[in-house]
Protein backbone atom coordinates (compact mmCIF):
# COMPACT_ATOMS: atom_id res chain seq x y z
CA UNK A 1 37.12 44.08 -187.01
CA UNK A 2 38.63 45.77 -190.54
CA UNK A 3 36.16 47.53 -192.39
CA UNK A 4 36.77 44.97 -196.03
CA UNK A 5 36.67 41.69 -192.92
CA UNK A 6 33.80 42.83 -191.77
CA UNK A 7 31.99 42.93 -194.88
CA UNK A 8 33.50 39.53 -195.74
CA UNK A 9 32.42 38.18 -192.98
CA UNK A 10 28.58 39.80 -192.90
CA UNK A 11 28.28 38.04 -196.87
CA UNK A 12 28.93 34.79 -195.81
CA UNK A 13 26.83 34.47 -193.07
CA UNK A 14 24.07 36.11 -195.35
CA UNK A 15 24.98 33.44 -197.75
CA UNK A 16 24.61 30.86 -195.32
CA UNK A 17 21.29 32.20 -193.85
CA UNK A 18 19.90 32.00 -197.78
CA UNK A 19 20.96 28.57 -198.30
CA UNK A 20 19.54 27.13 -195.05
CA UNK A 21 16.05 29.38 -196.24
CA UNK A 22 15.97 27.52 -199.26
CA UNK A 23 16.79 23.96 -197.77
CA UNK A 24 14.21 24.59 -195.52
CA UNK A 25 11.88 25.80 -198.36
CA UNK A 26 12.49 22.65 -200.29
CA UNK A 27 11.84 20.37 -197.03
CA UNK A 28 8.40 22.14 -196.84
CA UNK A 29 7.43 21.72 -200.15
CA UNK A 30 8.35 18.12 -199.96
CA UNK A 31 6.47 17.51 -196.76
CA UNK A 32 3.67 19.23 -197.82
CA UNK A 33 3.31 16.63 -200.84
CA UNK A 34 3.63 13.89 -198.50
CA UNK A 35 1.10 14.88 -196.33
CA UNK A 36 -0.83 14.79 -199.31
CA UNK A 37 -0.22 11.40 -200.51
CA UNK A 38 -0.58 10.55 -196.74
CA UNK A 39 -4.34 11.91 -196.91
CA UNK A 40 -3.82 14.62 -194.31
CA UNK A 41 -5.78 17.14 -195.99
CA UNK A 42 -3.14 19.87 -195.48
CA UNK A 43 -2.17 20.42 -199.38
CA UNK A 44 -1.96 24.16 -199.77
CA UNK A 45 -1.62 24.11 -203.37
CA UNK A 46 -1.65 21.75 -206.45
CA UNK A 47 -3.63 20.73 -209.21
CA UNK A 48 -7.22 22.26 -209.77
CA UNK A 49 -9.93 20.43 -208.06
CA UNK A 50 -11.53 18.29 -211.17
CA UNK A 51 -14.80 19.65 -212.71
CA UNK A 52 -18.43 18.87 -211.41
CA UNK A 53 -20.00 15.74 -213.02
CA UNK A 54 -23.32 16.87 -215.40
CA UNK A 55 -26.34 18.46 -213.62
CA UNK A 56 -28.94 15.82 -212.93
CA UNK A 57 -31.06 15.03 -215.90
CA UNK A 58 -34.93 16.47 -215.69
CA UNK A 59 -37.73 14.43 -214.92
CA UNK A 60 -38.75 12.23 -217.62
CA UNK A 61 -41.93 13.83 -219.13
CA UNK A 62 -45.45 11.74 -218.87
CA UNK A 63 -48.49 11.31 -221.24
CA UNK A 64 -50.79 14.18 -219.79
CA UNK A 65 -53.50 11.75 -220.84
CA UNK A 66 -55.24 11.20 -217.64
CA UNK A 67 -54.60 7.67 -216.44
CA UNK A 68 -57.34 4.93 -214.90
CA UNK A 69 -55.60 1.68 -216.15
CA UNK A 70 -53.87 -1.04 -214.13
CA UNK A 71 -50.02 -1.41 -215.33
CA UNK A 72 -50.18 -5.14 -214.73
CA UNK A 73 -53.44 -5.20 -216.74
CA UNK A 74 -56.31 -7.93 -216.88
CA UNK A 75 -58.42 -8.25 -214.04
CA UNK A 76 -55.84 -6.01 -211.76
CA UNK A 77 -57.31 -3.03 -209.51
CA UNK A 78 -55.49 0.14 -208.35
CA UNK A 79 -55.89 1.11 -204.86
CA UNK A 80 -55.88 5.14 -204.29
CA UNK A 81 -55.98 6.81 -201.44
CA UNK A 82 -56.37 10.63 -201.03
CA UNK A 83 -55.68 13.29 -198.64
CA UNK A 84 -53.39 12.48 -196.00
CA UNK A 85 -50.90 11.42 -194.62
CA UNK A 86 -52.98 11.74 -191.39
CA UNK A 87 -51.29 10.55 -187.96
CA UNK A 88 -54.27 8.72 -187.00
CA UNK A 89 -56.01 7.34 -190.29
CA UNK A 90 -52.63 6.48 -192.71
CA UNK A 91 -50.82 3.98 -190.22
CA UNK A 92 -54.10 1.82 -189.83
CA UNK A 93 -54.61 2.03 -193.25
CA UNK A 94 -51.03 1.22 -193.92
CA UNK A 95 -51.81 -2.00 -191.43
CA UNK A 96 -54.28 -3.43 -193.47
CA UNK A 97 -52.73 -3.13 -197.00
CA UNK A 98 -49.50 -4.26 -195.48
CA UNK A 99 -51.99 -7.48 -193.75
CA UNK A 100 -53.06 -7.88 -197.47
CA UNK A 101 -49.97 -7.73 -199.49
CA UNK A 102 -51.51 -4.70 -201.28
CA UNK A 103 -49.68 -1.50 -202.72
CA UNK A 104 -51.41 1.70 -203.12
CA UNK A 105 -51.09 5.21 -204.63
CA UNK A 106 -51.04 7.92 -201.04
CA UNK A 107 -52.34 11.31 -202.77
CA UNK A 108 -50.50 13.60 -200.63
CA UNK A 109 -51.69 17.50 -199.80
CA UNK A 110 -48.15 19.11 -199.82
CA UNK A 111 -48.93 20.85 -196.25
CA UNK A 112 -49.82 17.31 -195.01
CA UNK A 113 -46.76 15.87 -196.09
CA UNK A 114 -44.47 18.56 -195.05
CA UNK A 115 -45.78 17.87 -191.12
CA UNK A 116 -46.02 14.60 -191.31
CA UNK A 117 -42.49 13.42 -193.02
CA UNK A 118 -42.05 10.33 -191.23
CA UNK A 119 -45.64 8.85 -192.55
CA UNK A 120 -44.42 10.03 -196.31
CA UNK A 121 -41.16 7.83 -195.37
CA UNK A 122 -43.25 4.77 -194.13
CA UNK A 123 -45.48 4.44 -197.17
CA UNK A 124 -42.25 4.44 -199.24
CA UNK A 125 -40.47 1.96 -196.80
CA UNK A 126 -43.80 -0.33 -197.27
CA UNK A 127 -43.82 0.15 -200.81
CA UNK A 128 -46.62 2.46 -202.10
CA UNK A 129 -46.14 5.62 -204.59
CA UNK A 130 -46.28 9.20 -203.65
CA UNK A 131 -48.72 11.55 -205.67
CA UNK A 132 -49.27 14.99 -205.49
CA UNK A 133 -52.84 16.21 -204.17
CA UNK A 134 -52.01 20.16 -204.26
CA UNK A 135 -51.09 22.44 -201.89
CA UNK A 136 -54.62 23.79 -200.66
CA UNK A 137 -56.95 20.73 -202.36
CA UNK A 138 -58.58 23.52 -204.12
CA UNK A 139 -61.67 21.60 -206.17
CA UNK A 140 -61.74 25.23 -208.07
CA UNK A 141 -58.62 25.34 -209.19
CA UNK A 142 -59.94 24.40 -212.91
CA UNK A 143 -61.31 28.18 -212.37
CA UNK A 144 -57.93 29.45 -211.19
CA UNK A 145 -55.39 30.98 -213.46
CA UNK A 146 -52.38 28.84 -214.76
CA UNK A 147 -50.21 30.64 -212.38
CA UNK A 148 -52.17 29.66 -209.43
CA UNK A 149 -52.28 25.80 -210.80
CA UNK A 150 -48.35 25.64 -211.37
CA UNK A 151 -48.02 26.73 -207.77
CA UNK A 152 -50.46 24.64 -206.42
CA UNK A 153 -48.62 21.33 -208.14
CA UNK A 154 -45.08 22.13 -208.17
CA UNK A 155 -45.00 23.23 -204.56
CA UNK A 156 -46.61 20.73 -203.43
CA UNK A 157 -44.34 18.14 -205.42
CA UNK A 158 -41.35 20.01 -203.73
CA UNK A 159 -43.18 19.75 -200.18
CA UNK A 160 -43.71 15.92 -200.48
CA UNK A 161 -40.77 15.03 -202.24
CA UNK A 162 -38.82 16.72 -199.18
CA UNK A 163 -40.84 14.72 -196.56
CA UNK A 164 -40.00 12.24 -198.60
CA UNK A 165 -36.26 12.47 -198.19
CA UNK A 166 -36.18 12.71 -202.30
CA UNK A 167 -37.65 10.19 -203.34
CA UNK A 168 -39.70 11.09 -206.92
CA UNK A 169 -43.68 11.56 -206.76
CA UNK A 170 -44.95 9.80 -209.58
CA UNK A 171 -48.10 10.81 -209.92
CA UNK A 172 -50.46 14.20 -209.86
CA UNK A 173 -54.17 13.80 -208.95
CA UNK A 174 -56.34 17.29 -209.17
CA UNK A 175 -58.34 17.74 -206.53
CA UNK A 176 -62.04 16.78 -206.95
CA UNK A 177 -61.12 15.59 -210.55
CA UNK A 178 -60.42 19.72 -211.46
CA UNK A 179 -58.29 18.99 -213.92
CA UNK A 180 -57.25 21.62 -217.08
CA UNK A 181 -55.25 21.19 -220.12
CA UNK A 182 -52.53 23.08 -218.14
CA UNK A 183 -52.61 21.28 -215.09
CA UNK A 184 -52.19 17.85 -216.87
CA UNK A 185 -49.17 19.76 -219.28
CA UNK A 186 -47.63 21.38 -215.66
CA UNK A 187 -47.47 18.02 -214.21
CA UNK A 188 -46.28 15.99 -217.07
CA UNK A 189 -43.46 17.75 -217.83
CA UNK A 190 -42.25 17.55 -214.15
CA UNK A 191 -42.35 13.78 -214.67
CA UNK A 192 -45.78 12.92 -213.03
CA UNK A 193 -48.64 11.11 -214.63
CA UNK A 194 -52.33 13.01 -214.02
CA UNK A 195 -54.35 10.69 -212.34
CA UNK A 196 -58.04 10.19 -212.33
CA UNK A 197 -60.55 7.12 -210.74
CA UNK A 198 -63.17 4.89 -212.26
CA UNK A 199 -65.08 3.99 -208.30
CA UNK A 200 -65.32 6.61 -206.27
CA UNK A 201 -66.07 5.53 -202.85
CA UNK A 202 -67.86 9.02 -201.92
CA UNK A 203 -66.63 7.50 -198.33
CA UNK A 204 -65.51 11.49 -197.33
CA UNK A 205 -69.48 11.78 -197.41
CA UNK A 206 -69.42 9.47 -194.38
CA UNK A 207 -72.15 7.16 -196.05
CA UNK A 208 -71.53 4.20 -193.54
CA UNK A 209 -69.02 1.44 -193.81
CA UNK A 210 -71.62 -0.79 -195.81
CA UNK A 211 -72.49 1.79 -198.07
CA UNK A 212 -68.67 2.30 -199.32
CA UNK A 213 -68.21 -1.46 -199.83
CA UNK A 214 -71.53 -2.15 -201.82
CA UNK A 215 -69.81 1.70 -204.08
CA UNK A 216 -67.10 -0.64 -205.07
CA UNK A 217 -68.58 -3.99 -205.55
CA UNK A 218 -71.35 -2.38 -207.80
CA UNK A 219 -69.18 0.43 -209.85
CA UNK A 220 -66.26 -1.40 -210.29
CA UNK A 221 -67.17 -2.49 -213.38
CA UNK A 222 -66.41 1.32 -214.63
CA UNK A 223 -62.74 0.38 -214.39
CA UNK A 224 -59.81 -0.46 -212.17
CA UNK A 225 -59.03 2.88 -209.84
CA UNK A 226 -60.48 2.98 -206.23
CA UNK A 227 -60.57 6.25 -204.50
CA UNK A 228 -60.63 6.17 -200.93
CA UNK A 229 -59.60 8.85 -198.34
CA UNK A 230 -56.91 8.75 -195.46
CA UNK A 231 -57.37 12.47 -194.51
CA UNK A 232 -59.76 15.21 -194.41
CA UNK A 233 -61.87 13.97 -191.57
CA UNK A 234 -62.82 11.17 -189.47
CA UNK A 235 -61.76 8.10 -191.37
CA UNK A 236 -63.38 5.00 -189.23
CA UNK A 237 -65.56 3.93 -191.87
CA UNK A 238 -62.96 3.59 -194.68
CA UNK A 239 -60.52 1.77 -192.68
CA UNK A 240 -63.51 -0.74 -191.74
CA UNK A 241 -64.62 -0.49 -195.36
CA UNK A 242 -61.15 -0.95 -196.49
CA UNK A 243 -60.61 -4.09 -194.10
CA UNK A 244 -63.64 -5.60 -195.65
CA UNK A 245 -62.75 -4.91 -199.70
CA UNK A 246 -59.67 -5.94 -200.13
CA UNK A 247 -60.27 -9.80 -199.20
CA UNK A 248 -63.54 -9.25 -201.50
CA UNK A 249 -61.64 -8.25 -204.41
CA UNK A 250 -59.23 -11.46 -204.13
CA UNK A 251 -62.00 -13.65 -203.57
CA UNK A 252 -63.74 -12.24 -206.98
CA UNK A 253 -60.25 -12.97 -208.52
CA UNK A 254 -58.66 -9.72 -208.62
CA UNK A 255 -54.78 -8.68 -208.20
CA UNK A 256 -53.75 -5.19 -207.39
CA UNK A 257 -51.23 -3.02 -209.33
CA UNK A 258 -50.23 0.40 -209.78
CA UNK A 259 -51.66 3.00 -212.62
CA UNK A 260 -50.26 3.06 -215.41
CA UNK A 261 -47.16 5.85 -215.89
CA UNK A 262 -46.24 5.38 -219.69
CA UNK A 263 -48.67 5.32 -222.85
CA UNK A 264 -48.94 1.89 -224.10
């Protein structure tokens, strides 16, 4: 083959190859687009992804004052239970509450909630509310620094919420009532209403079932929020007292409520 003929032949071949490549490329793009339409997930190019939605709104700030009143008002009372959850006593109290159709607030210590997430979720599943009762239940935290108080409150809140699968913690109760203006501000800014009590059954002192029941009867005139414990020790007396107190409260014409969260 002469040089000119050889050169011409090469040009023809190159042209054919180039055309074939162009056709193949166009076909590949068309196939990719078709696969994208079919939802195969094999898209290699396309429009930029949509921007993410707005960030989650911060929690609504609660009043900083300490709540005692019942949401339902009137003669309704609030049952509050502290220091758990405990694998022995919390389930027994949940059973009694369910038997009487009563909802309560469970004030949980952060590490205990982390240790027993199944109980935290059971509390929620039964319709009760969650309360932050700090990390270490330090009854002298009112004498500690603001940074210390903040860690105690917010770290416990995170532990409880994680154990609860993201459900919100609605109240904050200071151990032993050791509130400070700073701790109330920190809790309220995080969406938790500071929570007090009117009737301290002193069940943690193990005074006997009858004494616990009598304390409720004698001090209920102080206000509607009653304090019991499901953690921190042997709570057999509390379980027995709760079994007597709930029907007695009903016989006296009391309904049951949750403590207020917002201002009146």
